[in-house]
C-alpha atoms as a PDB file:
ATOM      1  CA  MET A   1     102.402  83.639 176.461  1.00  0.00           C
ATOM      2  CA  LYS A   2     105.071  85.853 178.015  1.00  0.00           C
ATOM      3  CA  ILE A   3     108.485  85.639 176.346  1.00  0.00           C
ATOM      4  CA  THR A   4     111.934  86.735 177.475  1.00  0.00           C
ATOM      5  CA  PHE A   5     114.811  87.043 175.022  1.00  0.00           C
ATOM      6  CA  LEU A   6     118.309  86.525 176.351  1.00  0.00           C
ATOM      7  CA  GLY A   7     120.171  88.670 173.834  1.00  0.00           C
ATOM      8  CA  GLY A   8     118.873  91.436 171.608  1.00  0.00           C
ATOM      9  CA  GLY A   9     120.705  90.993 168.298  1.00  0.00           C
ATOM     10  CA  ASN A  10     119.413  90.758 164.744  1.00  0.00           C
ATOM     11  CA  MET A  11     117.537  87.465 165.073  1.00  0.00           C
ATOM     12  CA  ALA A  12     115.917  88.546 168.327  1.00  0.00           C
ATOM     13  CA  ASN A  13     114.822  91.737 166.557  1.00  0.00           C
ATOM     14  CA  ALA A  14     113.329  89.675 163.723  1.00  0.00           C
ATOM     15  CA  LEU A  15     111.461  87.380 166.115  1.00  0.00           C
ATOM     16  CA  ILE A  16     110.139  90.244 168.230  1.00  0.00           C
ATOM     17  CA  GLY A  17     108.954  92.098 165.134  1.00  0.00           C
ATOM     18  CA  GLY A  18     107.293  88.948 163.800  1.00  0.00           C
ATOM     19  CA  LEU A  19     105.572  88.200 167.098  1.00  0.00           C
ATOM     20  CA  LEU A  20     104.195  91.735 167.349  1.00  0.00           C
ATOM     21  CA  LYS A  21     102.837  91.465 163.786  1.00  0.00           C
ATOM     22  CA  GLN A  22     101.061  88.275 164.831  1.00  0.00           C
ATOM     23  CA  GLY A  23      99.275  90.105 167.613  1.00  0.00           C
ATOM     24  CA  PHE A  24     101.545  89.567 170.596  1.00  0.00           C
ATOM     25  CA  ALA A  25     101.460  92.432 173.072  1.00  0.00           C
ATOM     26  CA  ALA A  26     104.696  94.330 173.596  1.00  0.00           C
ATOM     27  CA  ALA A  27     103.993  94.158 177.343  1.00  0.00           C
ATOM     28  CA  ASP A  28     104.397  90.360 177.163  1.00  0.00           C
ATOM     29  CA  ILE A  29     107.918  90.533 175.715  1.00  0.00           C
ATOM     30  CA  ARG A  30     111.097  91.224 177.672  1.00  0.00           C
ATOM     31  CA  VAL A  31     114.706  91.395 176.541  1.00  0.00           C
ATOM     32  CA  VAL A  32     117.894  90.902 178.550  1.00  0.00           C
ATOM     33  CA  GLU A  33     120.643  92.758 176.677  1.00  0.00           C
ATOM     34  CA  THR A  34     124.000  93.912 178.033  1.00  0.00           C
ATOM     35  CA  LEU A  35     124.583  96.708 175.505  1.00  0.00           C
ATOM     36  CA  ALA A  36     122.834  99.952 176.418  1.00  0.00           C
ATOM     37  CA  GLU A  37     122.486 101.108 172.809  1.00  0.00           C
ATOM     38  CA  ASN A  38     120.746  97.859 171.881  1.00  0.00           C
ATOM     39  CA  ARG A  39     118.370  98.172 174.835  1.00  0.00           C
ATOM     40  CA  ASP A  40     117.498 101.722 173.821  1.00  0.00           C
ATOM     41  CA  ARG A  41     116.878 100.676 170.211  1.00  0.00           C
ATOM     42  CA  LEU A  42     114.689  97.722 171.188  1.00  0.00           C
ATOM     43  CA  ALA A  43     112.613  99.801 173.584  1.00  0.00           C
ATOM     44  CA  ARG A  44     112.243 102.596 171.044  1.00  0.00           C
ATOM     45  CA  THR A  45     111.453 100.322 168.080  1.00  0.00           C
ATOM     46  CA  PHE A  46     109.175  97.764 169.688  1.00  0.00           C
ATOM     47  CA  GLY A  47     108.107  99.207 173.030  1.00  0.00           C
ATOM     48  CA  VAL A  48     109.340  96.143 174.925  1.00  0.00           C
ATOM     49  CA  ALA A  49     110.832  96.149 178.419  1.00  0.00           C
ATOM     50  CA  CYS A  50     114.620  95.749 178.435  1.00  0.00           C
ATOM     51  CA  PHE A  51     116.950  94.686 181.235  1.00  0.00           C
ATOM     52  CA  ASP A  52     120.727  94.656 181.542  1.00  0.00           C
ATOM     53  CA  LEU A  53     120.767  91.627 183.859  1.00  0.00           C
ATOM     54  CA  ALA A  54     118.993  88.266 183.944  1.00  0.00           C
ATOM     55  CA  SER A  55     117.091  89.052 187.135  1.00  0.00           C
ATOM     56  CA  ALA A  56     114.025  87.236 188.464  1.00  0.00           C
ATOM     57  CA  THR A  57     111.842  90.045 187.101  1.00  0.00           C
ATOM     58  CA  ALA A  58     113.403  89.866 183.655  1.00  0.00           C
ATOM     59  CA  LEU A  59     112.987  86.089 183.548  1.00  0.00           C
ATOM     60  CA  ASN A  60     109.372  86.076 184.735  1.00  0.00           C
ATOM     61  CA  SER A  61     107.983  84.513 181.558  1.00  0.00           C
ATOM     62  CA  ASP A  62     106.584  81.342 180.000  1.00  0.00           C
ATOM     63  CA  ALA A  63     109.376  80.985 177.436  1.00  0.00           C
ATOM     64  CA  LEU A  64     113.015  82.031 177.378  1.00  0.00           C
ATOM     65  CA  VAL A  65     114.627  82.442 173.950  1.00  0.00           C
ATOM     66  CA  LEU A  66     118.400  82.067 174.001  1.00  0.00           C
ATOM     67  CA  ALA A  67     119.540  84.569 171.372  1.00  0.00           C
ATOM     68  CA  VAL A  68     123.160  85.127 172.379  1.00  0.00           C
ATOM     69  CA  LYS A  69     126.166  84.041 170.332  1.00  0.00           C
ATOM     70  CA  PRO A  70     127.149  80.377 170.803  1.00  0.00           C
ATOM     71  CA  GLN A  71     130.539  81.380 172.232  1.00  0.00           C
ATOM     72  CA  GLN A  72     128.776  83.484 174.898  1.00  0.00           C
ATOM     73  CA  MET A  73     126.117  80.945 175.819  1.00  0.00           C
ATOM     74  CA  ARG A  74     127.712  79.340 178.871  1.00  0.00           C
ATOM     75  CA  GLU A  75     128.534  82.690 180.470  1.00  0.00           C
ATOM     76  CA  ALA A  76     125.096  84.103 179.645  1.00  0.00           C
ATOM     77  CA  LEU A  77     123.336  81.119 181.245  1.00  0.00           C
ATOM     78  CA  ALA A  78     125.289  81.288 184.503  1.00  0.00           C
ATOM     79  CA  PRO A  79     122.878  83.731 186.223  1.00  0.00           C
ATOM     80  CA  VAL A  80     119.782  82.114 184.697  1.00  0.00           C
ATOM     81  CA  ALA A  81     119.703  78.706 186.380  1.00  0.00           C
ATOM     82  CA  GLY A  82     118.587  80.023 189.761  1.00  0.00           C
ATOM     83  CA  HIS A  83     115.559  81.836 188.304  1.00  0.00           C
ATOM     84  CA  LEU A  84     113.940  79.128 186.160  1.00  0.00           C
ATOM     85  CA  ARG A  85     110.319  78.255 186.929  1.00  0.00           C
ATOM     86  CA  ARG A  86     109.436  75.569 184.387  1.00  0.00           C
ATOM     87  CA  GLN A  87     109.843  77.983 181.474  1.00  0.00           C
ATOM     88  CA  LEU A  88     110.272  76.539 178.027  1.00  0.00           C
ATOM     89  CA  ILE A  89     113.791  77.358 176.844  1.00  0.00           C
ATOM     90  CA  VAL A  90     114.263  77.822 173.102  1.00  0.00           C
ATOM     91  CA  SER A  91     117.808  78.097 171.763  1.00  0.00           C
ATOM     92  CA  ILE A  92     118.486  79.714 168.394  1.00  0.00           C
ATOM     93  CA  ALA A  93     122.273  79.397 168.792  1.00  0.00           C
ATOM     94  CA  ALA A  94     123.965  77.449 165.997  1.00  0.00           C
ATOM     95  CA  GLY A  95     125.911  74.362 167.009  1.00  0.00           C
ATOM     96  CA  THR A  96     124.988  74.460 170.694  1.00  0.00           C
ATOM     97  CA  ARG A  97     123.733  71.049 171.827  1.00  0.00           C
ATOM     98  CA  LEU A  98     120.882  70.591 174.285  1.00  0.00           C
ATOM     99  CA  ALA A  99     122.997  68.318 176.497  1.00  0.00           C
ATOM    100  CA  ASP A 100     125.449  71.183 177.016  1.00  0.00           C
ATOM    101  CA  ILE A 101     122.728  73.765 177.647  1.00  0.00           C
ATOM    102  CA  SER A 102     121.120  71.362 180.129  1.00  0.00           C
ATOM    103  CA  ARG A 103     124.433  70.862 181.915  1.00  0.00           C
ATOM    104  CA  TRP A 104     125.031  74.623 182.145  1.00  0.00           C
ATOM    105  CA  LEU A 105     121.517  74.946 183.619  1.00  0.00           C
ATOM    106  CA  ASN A 106     122.109  72.306 186.297  1.00  0.00           C
ATOM    107  CA  GLY A 107     120.234  69.530 184.501  1.00  0.00           C
ATOM    108  CA  TYR A 108     117.251  71.522 183.211  1.00  0.00           C
ATOM    109  CA  THR A 109     115.625  69.671 180.286  1.00  0.00           C
ATOM    110  CA  ARG A 110     112.581  71.659 179.125  1.00  0.00           C
ATOM    111  CA  LEU A 111     114.587  72.649 176.079  1.00  0.00           C
ATOM    112  CA  VAL A 112     114.091  73.128 172.337  1.00  0.00           C
ATOM    113  CA  ARG A 113     116.962  73.625 169.917  1.00  0.00           C
ATOM    114  CA  THR A 114     116.254  75.535 166.715  1.00  0.00           C
ATOM    115  CA  MET A 115     118.108  76.734 163.627  1.00  0.00           C
ATOM    116  CA  PRO A 116     116.482  79.715 161.901  1.00  0.00           C
ATOM    117  CA  ASN A 117     118.133  81.331 158.889  1.00  0.00           C
ATOM    118  CA  THR A 118     118.694  84.952 157.918  1.00  0.00           C
ATOM    119  CA  PRO A 119     115.647  85.366 155.624  1.00  0.00           C
ATOM    120  CA  ALA A 120     113.804  85.370 158.951  1.00  0.00           C
ATOM    121  CA  LEU A 121     114.871  89.032 159.071  1.00  0.00           C
ATOM    122  CA  ILE A 122     112.169  89.725 156.465  1.00  0.00           C
ATOM    123  CA  GLY A 123     109.705  87.063 157.667  1.00  0.00           C
ATOM    124  CA  ALA A 124     110.731  84.576 154.965  1.00  0.00           C
ATOM    125  CA  GLY A 125     112.864  82.188 157.001  1.00  0.00           C
ATOM    126  CA  VAL A 126     112.731  78.462 157.572  1.00  0.00           C
ATOM    127  CA  THR A 127     113.578  76.940 160.944  1.00  0.00           C
ATOM    128  CA  GLY A 128     114.429  73.395 161.955  1.00  0.00           C
ATOM    129  CA  LEU A 129     113.390  72.502 165.522  1.00  0.00           C
ATOM    130  CA  TYR A 130     114.293  69.644 167.856  1.00  0.00           C
ATOM    131  CA  ALA A 131     112.674  69.183 171.275  1.00  0.00           C
ATOM    132  CA  HIS A 132     114.103  67.338 174.250  1.00  0.00           C
ATOM    133  CA  PRO A 133     111.919  64.283 174.976  1.00  0.00           C
ATOM    134  CA  SER A 134     110.703  65.921 178.201  1.00  0.00           C
ATOM    135  CA  VAL A 135     109.002  68.751 176.260  1.00  0.00           C
ATOM    136  CA  ASP A 136     105.266  68.137 175.932  1.00  0.00           C
ATOM    137  CA  ALA A 137     102.927  69.035 173.066  1.00  0.00           C
ATOM    138  CA  GLU A 138     102.141  72.406 174.641  1.00  0.00           C
ATOM    139  CA  GLY A 139     105.843  73.245 174.838  1.00  0.00           C
ATOM    140  CA  ARG A 140     106.407  72.205 171.236  1.00  0.00           C
ATOM    141  CA  GLY A 141     103.466  74.341 170.214  1.00  0.00           C
ATOM    142  CA  ARG A 142     104.925  77.355 171.992  1.00  0.00           C
ATOM    143  CA  ALA A 143     108.301  76.899 170.312  1.00  0.00           C
ATOM    144  CA  GLU A 144     106.649  76.557 166.916  1.00  0.00           C
ATOM    145  CA  LYS A 145     104.590  79.694 167.505  1.00  0.00           C
ATOM    146  CA  ILE A 146     107.695  81.718 168.372  1.00  0.00           C
ATOM    147  CA  LEU A 147     109.756  80.582 165.367  1.00  0.00           C
ATOM    148  CA  GLY A 148     106.722  80.516 163.083  1.00  0.00           C
ATOM    149  CA  ALA A 149     106.545  84.286 163.503  1.00  0.00           C
ATOM    150  CA  VAL A 150     109.397  84.628 160.988  1.00  0.00           C
ATOM    151  CA  GLY A 151     108.678  81.881 158.464  1.00  0.00           C
ATOM    152  CA  LYS A 152     108.094  78.161 158.040  1.00  0.00           C
ATOM    153  CA  THR A 153     109.037  75.530 160.625  1.00  0.00           C
ATOM    154  CA  LEU A 154     110.166  71.911 160.386  1.00  0.00           C
ATOM    155  CA  TRP A 155     110.472  69.447 163.282  1.00  0.00           C
ATOM    156  CA  ILE A 156     113.524  67.156 163.350  1.00  0.00           C
ATOM    157  CA  ALA A 157     113.282  63.817 165.171  1.00  0.00           C
ATOM    158  CA  ASP A 158     117.012  63.386 165.884  1.00  0.00           C
ATOM    159  CA  GLU A 159     119.137  66.202 167.304  1.00  0.00           C
ATOM    160  CA  ALA A 160     122.178  64.848 165.452  1.00  0.00           C
ATOM    161  CA  MET A 161     120.460  65.969 162.234  1.00  0.00           C
ATOM    162  CA  MET A 162     120.411  69.597 163.359  1.00  0.00           C
ATOM    163  CA  ASP A 163     123.948  69.964 161.993  1.00  0.00           C
ATOM    164  CA  ALA A 164     122.568  68.936 158.592  1.00  0.00           C
ATOM    165  CA  VAL A 165     119.777  71.504 158.957  1.00  0.00           C
ATOM    166  CA  THR A 166     122.399  74.128 159.735  1.00  0.00           C
ATOM    167  CA  ALA A 167     124.491  73.074 156.721  1.00  0.00           C
ATOM    168  CA  VAL A 168     121.523  73.186 154.316  1.00  0.00           C
ATOM    169  CA  SER A 169     119.253  76.029 155.445  1.00  0.00           C
ATOM    170  CA  GLY A 170     121.234  77.834 158.136  1.00  0.00           C
ATOM    171  CA  SER A 171     124.239  78.350 155.869  1.00  0.00           C
ATOM    172  CA  GLY A 172     122.142  78.049 152.707  1.00  0.00           C
ATOM    173  CA  PRO A 173     121.439  81.765 152.163  1.00  0.00           C
ATOM    174  CA  ALA A 174     125.191  82.299 151.754  1.00  0.00           C
ATOM    175  CA  TYR A 175     125.250  79.693 148.971  1.00  0.00           C
ATOM    176  CA  VAL A 176     122.354  81.470 147.259  1.00  0.00           C
ATOM    177  CA  PHE A 177     124.066  84.860 147.569  1.00  0.00           C
ATOM    178  CA  TYR A 178     127.232  83.274 146.150  1.00  0.00           C
ATOM    179  CA  PHE A 179     125.352  82.016 143.094  1.00  0.00           C
ATOM    180  CA  ILE A 180     123.509  85.324 142.646  1.00  0.00           C
ATOM    181  CA  GLY A 181     126.874  87.101 142.746  1.00  0.00           C
ATOM    182  CA  ALA A 182     128.306  84.748 140.125  1.00  0.00           C
ATOM    183  CA  LEU A 183     125.263  85.172 137.874  1.00  0.00           C
ATOM    184  CA  ALA A 184     125.472  88.962 138.165  1.00  0.00           C
ATOM    185  CA  ALA A 185     129.224  88.858 137.435  1.00  0.00           C
ATOM    186  CA  ALA A 186     128.549  86.869 134.266  1.00  0.00           C
ATOM    187  CA  ALA A 187     125.896  89.393 133.239  1.00  0.00           C
ATOM    188  CA  ARG A 188     128.390  92.244 133.665  1.00  0.00           C
ATOM    189  CA  GLU A 189     131.031  90.406 131.636  1.00  0.00           C
ATOM    190  CA  LEU A 190     128.467  90.034 128.867  1.00  0.00           C
ATOM    191  CA  GLY A 191     128.045  93.800 128.780  1.00  0.00           C
ATOM    192  CA  LEU A 192     125.071  94.506 131.012  1.00  0.00           C
ATOM    193  CA  ALA A 193     125.226  97.438 133.442  1.00  0.00           C
ATOM    194  CA  ASP A 194     125.632  96.803 137.186  1.00  0.00           C
ATOM    195  CA  GLU A 195     122.013  97.620 138.047  1.00  0.00           C
ATOM    196  CA  GLN A 196     120.739  95.497 135.170  1.00  0.00           C
ATOM    197  CA  ALA A 197     122.949  92.563 136.194  1.00  0.00           C
ATOM    198  CA  ARG A 198     121.814  92.774 139.818  1.00  0.00           C
ATOM    199  CA  LEU A 199     118.122  92.996 138.925  1.00  0.00           C
ATOM    200  CA  LEU A 200     118.249  90.104 136.474  1.00  0.00           C
ATOM    201  CA  ALA A 201     120.214  87.840 138.837  1.00  0.00           C
ATOM    202  CA  ILE A 202     118.126  88.494 141.947  1.00  0.00           C
ATOM    203  CA  GLU A 203     114.714  88.436 140.272  1.00  0.00           C
ATOM    204  CA  THR A 204     115.553  85.285 138.315  1.00  0.00           C
ATOM    205  CA  PHE A 205     116.555  83.519 141.526  1.00  0.00           C
ATOM    206  CA  ALA A 206     113.537  84.816 143.456  1.00  0.00           C
ATOM    207  CA  GLY A 207     111.118  83.931 140.667  1.00  0.00           C
ATOM    208  CA  ALA A 208     112.530  80.453 140.138  1.00  0.00           C
ATOM    209  CA  ALA A 209     112.394  79.745 143.875  1.00  0.00           C
ATOM    210  CA  ALA A 210     108.785  80.986 144.024  1.00  0.00           C
ATOM    211  CA  LEU A 211     107.880  78.779 141.051  1.00  0.00           C
ATOM    212  CA  ALA A 212     109.468  75.740 142.699  1.00  0.00           C
ATOM    213  CA  ALA A 213     107.647  76.483 145.964  1.00  0.00           C
ATOM    214  CA  ALA A 214     104.305  76.822 144.182  1.00  0.00           C
ATOM    215  CA  SER A 215     104.727  73.627 142.137  1.00  0.00           C
ATOM    216  CA  THR A 216     104.094  70.061 143.277  1.00  0.00           C
ATOM    217  CA  GLU A 217     106.574  68.755 140.703  1.00  0.00           C
ATOM    218  CA  ASP A 218     110.212  67.884 141.346  1.00  0.00           C
ATOM    219  CA  VAL A 219     112.728  70.615 140.550  1.00  0.00           C
ATOM    220  CA  GLU A 220     114.344  68.323 137.970  1.00  0.00           C
ATOM    221  CA  VAL A 221     111.054  68.321 136.043  1.00  0.00           C
ATOM    222  CA  LEU A 222     110.910  72.109 136.214  1.00  0.00           C
ATOM    223  CA  ARG A 223     114.529  72.314 135.049  1.00  0.00           C
ATOM    224  CA  SER A 224     113.891  70.014 132.100  1.00  0.00           C
ATOM    225  CA  ARG A 225     111.081  72.273 130.898  1.00  0.00           C
ATOM    226  CA  VAL A 226     113.485  75.183 130.615  1.00  0.00           C
ATOM    227  CA  THR A 227     116.072  73.083 128.795  1.00  0.00           C
ATOM    228  CA  SER A 228     115.414  72.803 125.063  1.00  0.00           C
ATOM    229  CA  LYS A 229     117.466  70.294 123.085  1.00  0.00           C
ATOM    230  CA  GLY A 230     120.397  72.101 121.501  1.00  0.00           C
ATOM    231  CA  GLY A 231     119.416  75.403 123.100  1.00  0.00           C
ATOM    232  CA  THR A 232     121.176  77.987 125.266  1.00  0.00           C
ATOM    233  CA  THR A 233     120.115  76.495 128.615  1.00  0.00           C
ATOM    234  CA  GLU A 234     121.400  73.066 127.616  1.00  0.00           C
ATOM    235  CA  ALA A 235     124.755  74.609 126.690  1.00  0.00           C
ATOM    236  CA  ALA A 236     125.006  76.258 130.110  1.00  0.00           C
ATOM    237  CA  LEU A 237     124.007  73.120 132.014  1.00  0.00           C
ATOM    238  CA  LYS A 238     126.479  70.979 130.081  1.00  0.00           C
ATOM    239  CA  SER A 239     129.210  73.409 131.113  1.00  0.00           C
ATOM    240  CA  LEU A 240     128.142  73.160 134.772  1.00  0.00           C
ATOM    241  CA  GLU A 241     128.107  69.356 134.590  1.00  0.00           C
ATOM    242  CA  ALA A 242     131.536  69.304 132.966  1.00  0.00           C
ATOM    243  CA  GLU A 243     132.862  71.311 135.919  1.00  0.00           C
ATOM    244  CA  ASN A 244     131.109  68.973 138.419  1.00  0.00           C
ATOM    245  CA  VAL A 245     129.335  71.934 140.012  1.00  0.00           C
ATOM    246  CA  LYS A 246     126.573  69.802 141.550  1.00  0.00           C
ATOM    247  CA  ALA A 247     129.118  67.497 143.193  1.00  0.00           C
ATOM    248  CA  ALA A 248     131.038  70.528 144.452  1.00  0.00           C
ATOM    249  CA  ILE A 249     127.878  71.919 146.068  1.00  0.00           C
ATOM    250  CA  VAL A 250     127.185  68.580 147.764  1.00  0.00           C
ATOM    251  CA  ARG A 251     130.762  68.490 149.072  1.00  0.00           C
ATOM    252  CA  ALA A 252     130.418  72.062 150.354  1.00  0.00           C
ATOM    253  CA  VAL A 253     127.251  71.272 152.313  1.00  0.00           C
ATOM    254  CA  LYS A 254     128.867  68.158 153.769  1.00  0.00           C
ATOM    255  CA  ALA A 255     131.845  70.288 154.833  1.00  0.00           C
ATOM    256  CA  ALA A 256     129.458  72.650 156.622  1.00  0.00           C
ATOM    257  CA  ASP A 257     127.802  69.677 158.343  1.00  0.00           C
ATOM    258  CA  ALA A 258     131.164  68.326 159.505  1.00  0.00           C
ATOM    259  CA  ARG A 259     132.202  71.740 160.807  1.00  0.00           C
ATOM    260  CA  GLY A 260     128.918  72.024 162.677  1.00  0.00           C
ATOM    261  CA  ARG A 261     129.646  68.803 164.543  1.00  0.00           C
ATOM    262  CA  GLU A 262     133.171  70.004 165.320  1.00  0.00           C
ATOM    263  CA  LEU A 263     131.853  73.290 166.687  1.00  0.00           C
ATOM    264  CA  GLY A 264     129.341  71.435 168.839  1.00  0.00           C
ATOM    265  CA  GLU A 265     132.191  69.501 170.428  1.00  0.00           C
ATOM    266  CA  LEU A 266     134.262  72.671 170.937  1.00  0.00           C
ATOM    267  CA  LEU A 267     131.406  74.735 172.365  1.00  0.00           C
ATOM    268  CA  GLY A 268     130.447  71.970 174.775  1.00  0.00           C
ATOM    269  CA  LYS A 269     133.899  71.456 176.281  1.00  0.00           C
ATOM    270  CA  ASP A 270     134.320  72.194 179.993  1.00  0.00           C
END
């Protein structure tokens, strides 16, 4: 499979690196990137061919990954429509709906919308995918292979739910970093040194997440096993419940979902 990336930013770098680790040949990957310094870095780091314009040569591929910023998508697609040859188009742009991409490509529908998250930068991401009904099993397989190069994948049956995916996993790393920061701040206030606080907060979060991933039991069961009656963990959890932290987190994710739908409307306006 030959792949062209439209845009050469961080996520494109992660995907290219992941694909090469999976055995893809650098000769089968192309990148269209307007910034000269980015083209130089991509060519030097990965040995892939880079182009400054979306020419017929640059777009001579089986799949086109749209890796430009959502606000730049319409302009970036303008020169693409005339060069499409039944390629599968995979968008990794947050909030950009397939109906809008199709319209900007003169009705083209061989499209897959995806939402990877930033842990993809180290091969530990999770990506939600939604395929236009016209995409066949082979096309879905290609999209899954591309995004699977940087982590786990999950197919979504309804595109409207992609805003929820964005709110949970796309924005989710920021929530995790927020909690890690709070845990480290508490550790410092209790007298631990900065490096000690950082190590304890990060490794506790990473270990707990790994334990949850390895277990078949619900996280509430795992939580209950750490919570002894009258112990320190119970005291902490009672404080969190008193402050309605869980409800606040749910409200925050719903706010992200609502904003995602608003951005979709804004980005798709003519």
